[in-house]
Amino acid sequence: MRNFLMFAEVVVSILLILVVIMQSSKSAGMGGAVSGAADSVFGGKARGIDGLLSRLTVILGIVFALLSLGLGIYLNQY
């Protein structure tokens, strides 16, 4: 079980890194952070490959966090 969790965490972390690297930059600088947040608040949805990569980033991040918690709990039992 421990080996499976460790292997799954390595695979998910590599996939997460690749998905983040594949994303195109939304804007340049700090000014883009404000406008990008406003787009997401007011219903702007990314379509195509950018939307897919954004969803994959969230999903892989959640899976990574759950695997980390599970592995931590499993390793602290002994």
PDB file of N, CA and C in Angstrom:
ATOM      1  N   MET A   1       0.822  -1.187   0.000  1.00  0.00           N
ATOM      2  CA  MET A   1       0.000   0.000   0.000  1.00  0.00           C
ATOM      3  C   MET A   1       0.869   1.255   0.000  1.00  0.00           C
ATOM      4  N   ARG A   2       1.909   1.251   0.823  1.00  0.00           N
ATOM      5  CA  ARG A   2       2.803   2.400   0.913  1.00  0.00           C
ATOM      6  C   ARG A   2       3.479   2.667  -0.420  1.00  0.00           C
ATOM      7  N   ASN A   3       3.938   1.616  -1.071  1.00  0.00           N
ATOM      8  CA  ASN A   3       4.607   1.782  -2.362  1.00  0.00           C
ATOM      9  C   ASN A   3       3.643   2.316  -3.419  1.00  0.00           C
ATOM     10  N   PHE A   4       2.404   1.853  -3.413  1.00  0.00           N
ATOM     11  CA  PHE A   4       1.419   2.341  -4.371  1.00  0.00           C
ATOM     12  C   PHE A   4       1.147   3.825  -4.167  1.00  0.00           C
ATOM     13  N   LEU A   5       0.969   4.243  -2.900  1.00  0.00           N
ATOM     14  CA  LEU A   5       0.716   5.646  -2.613  1.00  0.00           C
ATOM     15  C   LEU A   5       1.896   6.521  -3.016  1.00  0.00           C
ATOM     16  N   MET A   6       3.101   6.062  -2.754  1.00  0.00           N
ATOM     17  CA  MET A   6       4.286   6.822  -3.124  1.00  0.00           C
ATOM     18  C   MET A   6       4.420   6.927  -4.639  1.00  0.00           C
ATOM     19  N   PHE A   7       4.170   5.828  -5.346  1.00  0.00           N
ATOM     20  CA  PHE A   7       4.250   5.837  -6.805  1.00  0.00           C
ATOM     21  C   PHE A   7       3.183   6.747  -7.397  1.00  0.00           C
ATOM     22  N   ALA A   8       1.963   6.672  -6.863  1.00  0.00           N
ATOM     23  CA  ALA A   8       0.871   7.509  -7.357  1.00  0.00           C
ATOM     24  C   ALA A   8       1.187   8.986  -7.105  1.00  0.00           C
ATOM     25  N   GLU A   9       1.775   9.306  -5.977  1.00  0.00           N
ATOM     26  CA  GLU A   9       2.110  10.697  -5.686  1.00  0.00           C
ATOM     27  C   GLU A   9       3.181  11.225  -6.636  1.00  0.00           C
ATOM     28  N   VAL A  10       4.162  10.402  -6.959  1.00  0.00           N
ATOM     29  CA  VAL A  10       5.201  10.813  -7.904  1.00  0.00           C
ATOM     30  C   VAL A  10       4.594  11.052  -9.284  1.00  0.00           C
ATOM     31  N   VAL A  11       3.733  10.140  -9.730  1.00  0.00           N
ATOM     32  CA  VAL A  11       3.111  10.276 -11.047  1.00  0.00           C
ATOM     33  C   VAL A  11       2.227  11.531 -11.099  1.00  0.00           C
ATOM     34  N   VAL A  12       1.427  11.743 -10.079  1.00  0.00           N
ATOM     35  CA  VAL A  12       0.538  12.913 -10.050  1.00  0.00           C
ATOM     36  C   VAL A  12       1.357  14.195  -9.987  1.00  0.00           C
ATOM     37  N   SER A  13       2.440  14.201  -9.231  1.00  0.00           N
ATOM     38  CA  SER A  13       3.251  15.418  -9.145  1.00  0.00           C
ATOM     39  C   SER A  13       3.910  15.739 -10.478  1.00  0.00           C
ATOM     40  N   ILE A  14       4.386  14.739 -11.199  1.00  0.00           N
ATOM     41  CA  ILE A  14       4.975  14.971 -12.523  1.00  0.00           C
ATOM     42  C   ILE A  14       3.917  15.474 -13.499  1.00  0.00           C
ATOM     43  N   LEU A  15       2.726  14.881 -13.461  1.00  0.00           N
ATOM     44  CA  LEU A  15       1.640  15.338 -14.329  1.00  0.00           C
ATOM     45  C   LEU A  15       1.240  16.768 -13.997  1.00  0.00           C
ATOM     46  N   LEU A  16       1.196  17.099 -12.716  1.00  0.00           N
ATOM     47  CA  LEU A  16       0.837  18.450 -12.295  1.00  0.00           C
ATOM     48  C   LEU A  16       1.863  19.462 -12.800  1.00  0.00           C
ATOM     49  N   ILE A  17       3.125  19.131 -12.705  1.00  0.00           N
ATOM     50  CA  ILE A  17       4.179  20.016 -13.207  1.00  0.00           C
ATOM     51  C   ILE A  17       4.034  20.211 -14.713  1.00  0.00           C
ATOM     52  N   LEU A  18       3.797  19.134 -15.443  1.00  0.00           N
ATOM     53  CA  LEU A  18       3.654  19.231 -16.897  1.00  0.00           C
ATOM     54  C   LEU A  18       2.443  20.062 -17.300  1.00  0.00           C
ATOM     55  N   VAL A  19       1.328  19.886 -16.609  1.00  0.00           N
ATOM     56  CA  VAL A  19       0.121  20.640 -16.941  1.00  0.00           C
ATOM     57  C   VAL A  19       0.327  22.123 -16.671  1.00  0.00           C
ATOM     58  N   VAL A  20       0.999  22.468 -15.585  1.00  0.00           N
ATOM     59  CA  VAL A  20       1.243  23.876 -15.275  1.00  0.00           C
ATOM     60  C   VAL A  20       2.192  24.488 -16.307  1.00  0.00           C
ATOM     61  N   ILE A  21       3.196  23.764 -16.713  1.00  0.00           N
ATOM     62  CA  ILE A  21       4.142  24.271 -17.707  1.00  0.00           C
ATOM     63  C   ILE A  21       3.468  24.453 -19.067  1.00  0.00           C
ATOM     64  N   MET A  22       2.530  23.585 -19.412  1.00  0.00           N
ATOM     65  CA  MET A  22       1.863  23.657 -20.711  1.00  0.00           C
ATOM     66  C   MET A  22       0.888  24.824 -20.823  1.00  0.00           C
ATOM     67  N   GLN A  23       0.463  25.394 -19.711  1.00  0.00           N
ATOM     68  CA  GLN A  23      -0.493  26.491 -19.755  1.00  0.00           C
ATOM     69  C   GLN A  23       0.157  27.741 -20.325  1.00  0.00           C
ATOM     70  N   SER A  24      -0.616  28.462 -21.134  1.00  0.00           N
ATOM     71  CA  SER A  24      -0.106  29.717 -21.669  1.00  0.00           C
ATOM     72  C   SER A  24      -0.241  30.798 -20.606  1.00  0.00           C
ATOM     73  N   SER A  25       0.658  31.768 -20.658  1.00  0.00           N
ATOM     74  CA  SER A  25       0.574  32.830 -19.653  1.00  0.00           C
ATOM     75  C   SER A  25      -0.619  33.716 -19.973  1.00  0.00           C
ATOM     76  N   LYS A  26      -1.361  34.060 -18.960  1.00  0.00           N
ATOM     77  CA  LYS A  26      -2.574  34.842 -19.138  1.00  0.00           C
ATOM     78  C   LYS A  26      -2.263  36.296 -19.422  1.00  0.00           C
ATOM     79  N   SER A  27      -1.248  36.853 -18.777  1.00  0.00           N
ATOM     80  CA  SER A  27      -0.899  38.255 -18.964  1.00  0.00           C
ATOM     81  C   SER A  27       0.497  38.490 -18.433  1.00  0.00           C
ATOM     82  N   ALA A  28       0.953  39.711 -18.589  1.00  0.00           N
ATOM     83  CA  ALA A  28       2.292  40.048 -18.102  1.00  0.00           C
ATOM     84  C   ALA A  28       2.189  40.999 -16.920  1.00  0.00           C
ATOM     85  N   GLY A  29       2.811  40.632 -15.843  1.00  0.00           N
ATOM     86  CA  GLY A  29       2.910  41.539 -14.715  1.00  0.00           C
ATOM     87  C   GLY A  29       1.752  41.469 -13.743  1.00  0.00           C
ATOM     88  N   MET A  30       1.781  42.383 -12.794  1.00  0.00           N
ATOM     89  CA  MET A  30       0.785  42.415 -11.734  1.00  0.00           C
ATOM     90  C   MET A  30      -0.559  42.944 -12.215  1.00  0.00           C
ATOM     91  N   GLY A  31      -0.582  43.795 -13.228  1.00  0.00           N
ATOM     92  CA  GLY A  31      -1.841  44.335 -13.732  1.00  0.00           C
ATOM     93  C   GLY A  31      -2.740  43.241 -14.267  1.00  0.00           C
ATOM     94  N   GLY A  32      -2.159  42.202 -14.805  1.00  0.00           N
ATOM     95  CA  GLY A  32      -2.938  41.087 -15.332  1.00  0.00           C
ATOM     96  C   GLY A  32      -3.578  40.259 -14.242  1.00  0.00           C
ATOM     97  N   ALA A  33      -2.995  40.280 -13.056  1.00  0.00           N
ATOM     98  CA  ALA A  33      -3.573  39.509 -11.955  1.00  0.00           C
ATOM     99  C   ALA A  33      -4.933  40.066 -11.570  1.00  0.00           C
ATOM    100  N   VAL A  34      -5.071  41.383 -11.603  1.00  0.00           N
ATOM    101  CA  VAL A  34      -6.334  42.005 -11.233  1.00  0.00           C
ATOM    102  C   VAL A  34      -7.381  41.757 -12.312  1.00  0.00           C
ATOM    103  N   SER A  35      -7.007  41.942 -13.572  1.00  0.00           N
ATOM    104  CA  SER A  35      -7.988  41.744 -14.645  1.00  0.00           C
ATOM    105  C   SER A  35      -8.337  40.276 -14.814  1.00  0.00           C
ATOM    106  N   GLY A  36      -7.381  39.387 -14.576  1.00  0.00           N
ATOM    107  CA  GLY A  36      -7.676  37.960 -14.661  1.00  0.00           C
ATOM    108  C   GLY A  36      -8.636  37.521 -13.574  1.00  0.00           C
ATOM    109  N   ALA A  37      -8.479  38.086 -12.387  1.00  0.00           N
ATOM    110  CA  ALA A  37      -9.392  37.760 -11.292  1.00  0.00           C
ATOM    111  C   ALA A  37     -10.780  38.303 -11.582  1.00  0.00           C
ATOM    112  N   ALA A  38     -10.848  39.491 -12.174  1.00  0.00           N
ATOM    113  CA  ALA A  38     -12.147  40.065 -12.502  1.00  0.00           C
ATOM    114  C   ALA A  38     -12.859  39.230 -13.559  1.00  0.00           C
ATOM    115  N   ASP A  39     -12.116  38.700 -14.522  1.00  0.00           N
ATOM    116  CA  ASP A  39     -12.725  37.846 -15.544  1.00  0.00           C
ATOM    117  C   ASP A  39     -13.336  36.604 -14.930  1.00  0.00           C
ATOM    118  N   SER A  40     -12.626  36.002 -13.976  1.00  0.00           N
ATOM    119  CA  SER A  40     -13.151  34.778 -13.377  1.00  0.00           C
ATOM    120  C   SER A  40     -14.331  35.061 -12.458  1.00  0.00           C
ATOM    121  N   VAL A  41     -14.336  36.216 -11.803  1.00  0.00           N
ATOM    122  CA  VAL A  41     -15.435  36.558 -10.910  1.00  0.00           C
ATOM    123  C   VAL A  41     -16.699  36.848 -11.703  1.00  0.00           C
ATOM    124  N   PHE A  42     -16.560  37.532 -12.827  1.00  0.00           N
ATOM    125  CA  PHE A  42     -17.718  37.947 -13.593  1.00  0.00           C
ATOM    126  C   PHE A  42     -18.101  36.957 -14.679  1.00  0.00           C
ATOM    127  N   GLY A  43     -17.670  35.716 -14.559  1.00  0.00           N
ATOM    128  CA  GLY A  43     -18.174  34.658 -15.416  1.00  0.00           C
ATOM    129  C   GLY A  43     -17.386  34.397 -16.678  1.00  0.00           C
ATOM    130  N   GLY A  44     -16.182  34.928 -16.805  1.00  0.00           N
ATOM    131  CA  GLY A  44     -15.375  34.633 -17.983  1.00  0.00           C
ATOM    132  C   GLY A  44     -14.904  33.190 -17.925  1.00  0.00           C
ATOM    133  N   LYS A  45     -15.191  32.416 -18.963  1.00  0.00           N
ATOM    134  CA  LYS A  45     -14.796  31.007 -18.963  1.00  0.00           C
ATOM    135  C   LYS A  45     -13.781  30.756 -20.058  1.00  0.00           C
ATOM    136  N   ALA A  46     -12.741  30.054 -19.718  1.00  0.00           N
ATOM    137  CA  ALA A  46     -11.748  29.687 -20.707  1.00  0.00           C
ATOM    138  C   ALA A  46     -12.272  28.507 -21.512  1.00  0.00           C
ATOM    139  N   ARG A  47     -12.057  28.562 -22.785  1.00  0.00           N
ATOM    140  CA  ARG A  47     -12.524  27.496 -23.656  1.00  0.00           C
ATOM    141  C   ARG A  47     -11.337  26.818 -24.306  1.00  0.00           C
ATOM    142  N   GLY A  48     -11.575  25.640 -24.795  1.00  0.00           N
ATOM    143  CA  GLY A  48     -10.531  24.923 -25.514  1.00  0.00           C
ATOM    144  C   GLY A  48      -9.490  24.330 -24.595  1.00  0.00           C
ATOM    145  N   ILE A  49      -8.256  24.361 -25.094  1.00  0.00           N
ATOM    146  CA  ILE A  49      -7.162  23.710 -24.374  1.00  0.00           C
ATOM    147  C   ILE A  49      -6.836  24.446 -23.071  1.00  0.00           C
ATOM    148  N   ASP A  50      -7.000  25.779 -23.050  1.00  0.00           N
ATOM    149  CA  ASP A  50      -6.724  26.517 -21.810  1.00  0.00           C
ATOM    150  C   ASP A  50      -7.695  26.135 -20.702  1.00  0.00           C
ATOM    151  N   GLY A  51      -8.956  25.976 -21.054  1.00  0.00           N
ATOM    152  CA  GLY A  51      -9.948  25.559 -20.062  1.00  0.00           C
ATOM    153  C   GLY A  51      -9.678  24.153 -19.553  1.00  0.00           C
ATOM    154  N   LEU A  52      -9.298  23.272 -20.469  1.00  0.00           N
ATOM    155  CA  LEU A  52      -8.979  21.894 -20.089  1.00  0.00           C
ATOM    156  C   LEU A  52      -7.772  21.851 -19.154  1.00  0.00           C
ATOM    157  N   LEU A  53      -6.733  22.613 -19.494  1.00  0.00           N
ATOM    158  CA  LEU A  53      -5.538  22.623 -18.647  1.00  0.00           C
ATOM    159  C   LEU A  53      -5.828  23.227 -17.278  1.00  0.00           C
ATOM    160  N   SER A  54      -6.692  24.227 -17.232  1.00  0.00           N
ATOM    161  CA  SER A  54      -7.061  24.817 -15.942  1.00  0.00           C
ATOM    162  C   SER A  54      -7.808  23.807 -15.073  1.00  0.00           C
ATOM    163  N   ARG A  55      -8.754  23.104 -15.675  1.00  0.00           N
ATOM    164  CA  ARG A  55      -9.490  22.081 -14.908  1.00  0.00           C
ATOM    165  C   ARG A  55      -8.573  20.961 -14.469  1.00  0.00           C
ATOM    166  N   LEU A  56      -7.658  20.534 -15.347  1.00  0.00           N
ATOM    167  CA  LEU A  56      -6.718  19.468 -14.977  1.00  0.00           C
ATOM    168  C   LEU A  56      -5.809  19.907 -13.835  1.00  0.00           C
ATOM    169  N   THR A  57      -5.414  21.177 -13.837  1.00  0.00           N
ATOM    170  CA  THR A  57      -4.566  21.677 -12.749  1.00  0.00           C
ATOM    171  C   THR A  57      -5.287  21.584 -11.413  1.00  0.00           C
ATOM    172  N   VAL A  58      -6.552  21.989 -11.391  1.00  0.00           N
ATOM    173  CA  VAL A  58      -7.330  21.930 -10.151  1.00  0.00           C
ATOM    174  C   VAL A  58      -7.513  20.478  -9.708  1.00  0.00           C
ATOM    175  N   ILE A  59      -7.884  19.613 -10.646  1.00  0.00           N
ATOM    176  CA  ILE A  59      -8.133  18.205 -10.309  1.00  0.00           C
ATOM    177  C   ILE A  59      -6.860  17.539  -9.814  1.00  0.00           C
ATOM    178  N   LEU A  60      -5.749  17.742 -10.529  1.00  0.00           N
ATOM    179  CA  LEU A  60      -4.493  17.121 -10.108  1.00  0.00           C
ATOM    180  C   LEU A  60      -4.004  17.695  -8.781  1.00  0.00           C
ATOM    181  N   GLY A  61      -4.254  18.966  -8.528  1.00  0.00           N
ATOM    182  CA  GLY A  61      -3.884  19.561  -7.238  1.00  0.00           C
ATOM    183  C   GLY A  61      -4.648  18.939  -6.089  1.00  0.00           C
ATOM    184  N   ILE A  62      -5.951  18.712  -6.305  1.00  0.00           N
ATOM    185  CA  ILE A  62      -6.770  18.075  -5.271  1.00  0.00           C
ATOM    186  C   ILE A  62      -6.325  16.635  -5.042  1.00  0.00           C
ATOM    187  N   VAL A  63      -6.062  15.906  -6.129  1.00  0.00           N
ATOM    188  CA  VAL A  63      -5.607  14.516  -6.005  1.00  0.00           C
ATOM    189  C   VAL A  63      -4.266  14.461  -5.285  1.00  0.00           C
ATOM    190  N   PHE A  64      -3.364  15.390  -5.625  1.00  0.00           N
ATOM    191  CA  PHE A  64      -2.057  15.435  -4.966  1.00  0.00           C
ATOM    192  C   PHE A  64      -2.204  15.691  -3.467  1.00  0.00           C
ATOM    193  N   ALA A  65      -3.082  16.631  -3.109  1.00  0.00           N
ATOM    194  CA  ALA A  65      -3.293  16.937  -1.688  1.00  0.00           C
ATOM    195  C   ALA A  65      -3.872  15.728  -0.952  1.00  0.00           C
ATOM    196  N   LEU A  66      -4.838  15.058  -1.566  1.00  0.00           N
ATOM    197  CA  LEU A  66      -5.436  13.884  -0.927  1.00  0.00           C
ATOM    198  C   LEU A  66      -4.435  12.747  -0.788  1.00  0.00           C
ATOM    199  N   LEU A  67      -3.624  12.535  -1.821  1.00  0.00           N
ATOM    200  CA  LEU A  67      -2.586  11.500  -1.726  1.00  0.00           C
ATOM    201  C   LEU A  67      -1.569  11.837  -0.634  1.00  0.00           C
ATOM    202  N   SER A  68      -1.207  13.110  -0.532  1.00  0.00           N
ATOM    203  CA  SER A  68      -0.252  13.523   0.506  1.00  0.00           C
ATOM    204  C   SER A  68      -0.821  13.281   1.897  1.00  0.00           C
ATOM    205  N   LEU A  69      -2.098  13.645   2.089  1.00  0.00           N
ATOM    206  CA  LEU A  69      -2.735  13.397   3.388  1.00  0.00           C
ATOM    207  C   LEU A  69      -2.824  11.898   3.676  1.00  0.00           C
ATOM    208  N   GLY A  70      -3.240  11.131   2.688  1.00  0.00           N
ATOM    209  CA  GLY A  70      -3.349   9.684   2.866  1.00  0.00           C
ATOM    210  C   GLY A  70      -2.018   9.041   3.175  1.00  0.00           C
ATOM    211  N   LEU A  71      -0.990   9.466   2.469  1.00  0.00           N
ATOM    212  CA  LEU A  71       0.341   8.911   2.709  1.00  0.00           C
ATOM    213  C   LEU A  71       0.854   9.312   4.086  1.00  0.00           C
ATOM    214  N   GLY A  72       0.607  10.547   4.487  1.00  0.00           N
ATOM    215  CA  GLY A  72       1.019  10.991   5.818  1.00  0.00           C
ATOM    216  C   GLY A  72       0.324  10.227   6.920  1.00  0.00           C
ATOM    217  N   ILE A  73      -0.972  10.014   6.766  1.00  0.00           N
ATOM    218  CA  ILE A  73      -1.724   9.250   7.761  1.00  0.00           C
ATOM    219  C   ILE A  73      -1.242   7.804   7.811  1.00  0.00           C
ATOM    220  N   TYR A  74      -1.023   7.208   6.623  1.00  0.00           N
ATOM    221  CA  TYR A  74      -0.603   5.810   6.568  1.00  0.00           C
ATOM    222  C   TYR A  74       0.782   5.632   7.193  1.00  0.00           C
ATOM    223  N   LEU A  75       1.704   6.552   6.921  1.00  0.00           N
ATOM    224  CA  LEU A  75       3.060   6.423   7.448  1.00  0.00           C
ATOM    225  C   LEU A  75       3.135   6.717   8.943  1.00  0.00           C
ATOM    226  N   ASN A  76       2.213   7.484   9.491  1.00  0.00           N
ATOM    227  CA  ASN A  76       2.237   7.780  10.931  1.00  0.00           C
ATOM    228  C   ASN A  76       1.557   6.714  11.766  1.00  0.00           C
ATOM    229  N   GLN A  77       0.998   5.690  11.148  1.00  0.00           N
ATOM    230  CA  GLN A  77       0.364   4.612  11.907  1.00  0.00           C
ATOM    231  C   GLN A  77       1.385   3.680  12.532  1.00  0.00           C
ATOM    232  N   TYR A  78       2.587   3.648  11.999  1.00  0.00           N
ATOM    233  CA  TYR A  78       3.573   2.679  12.480  1.00  0.00           C
ATOM    234  C   TYR A  78       4.735   3.332  13.132  1.00  0.00           C
TER     235      TYR A  78
END
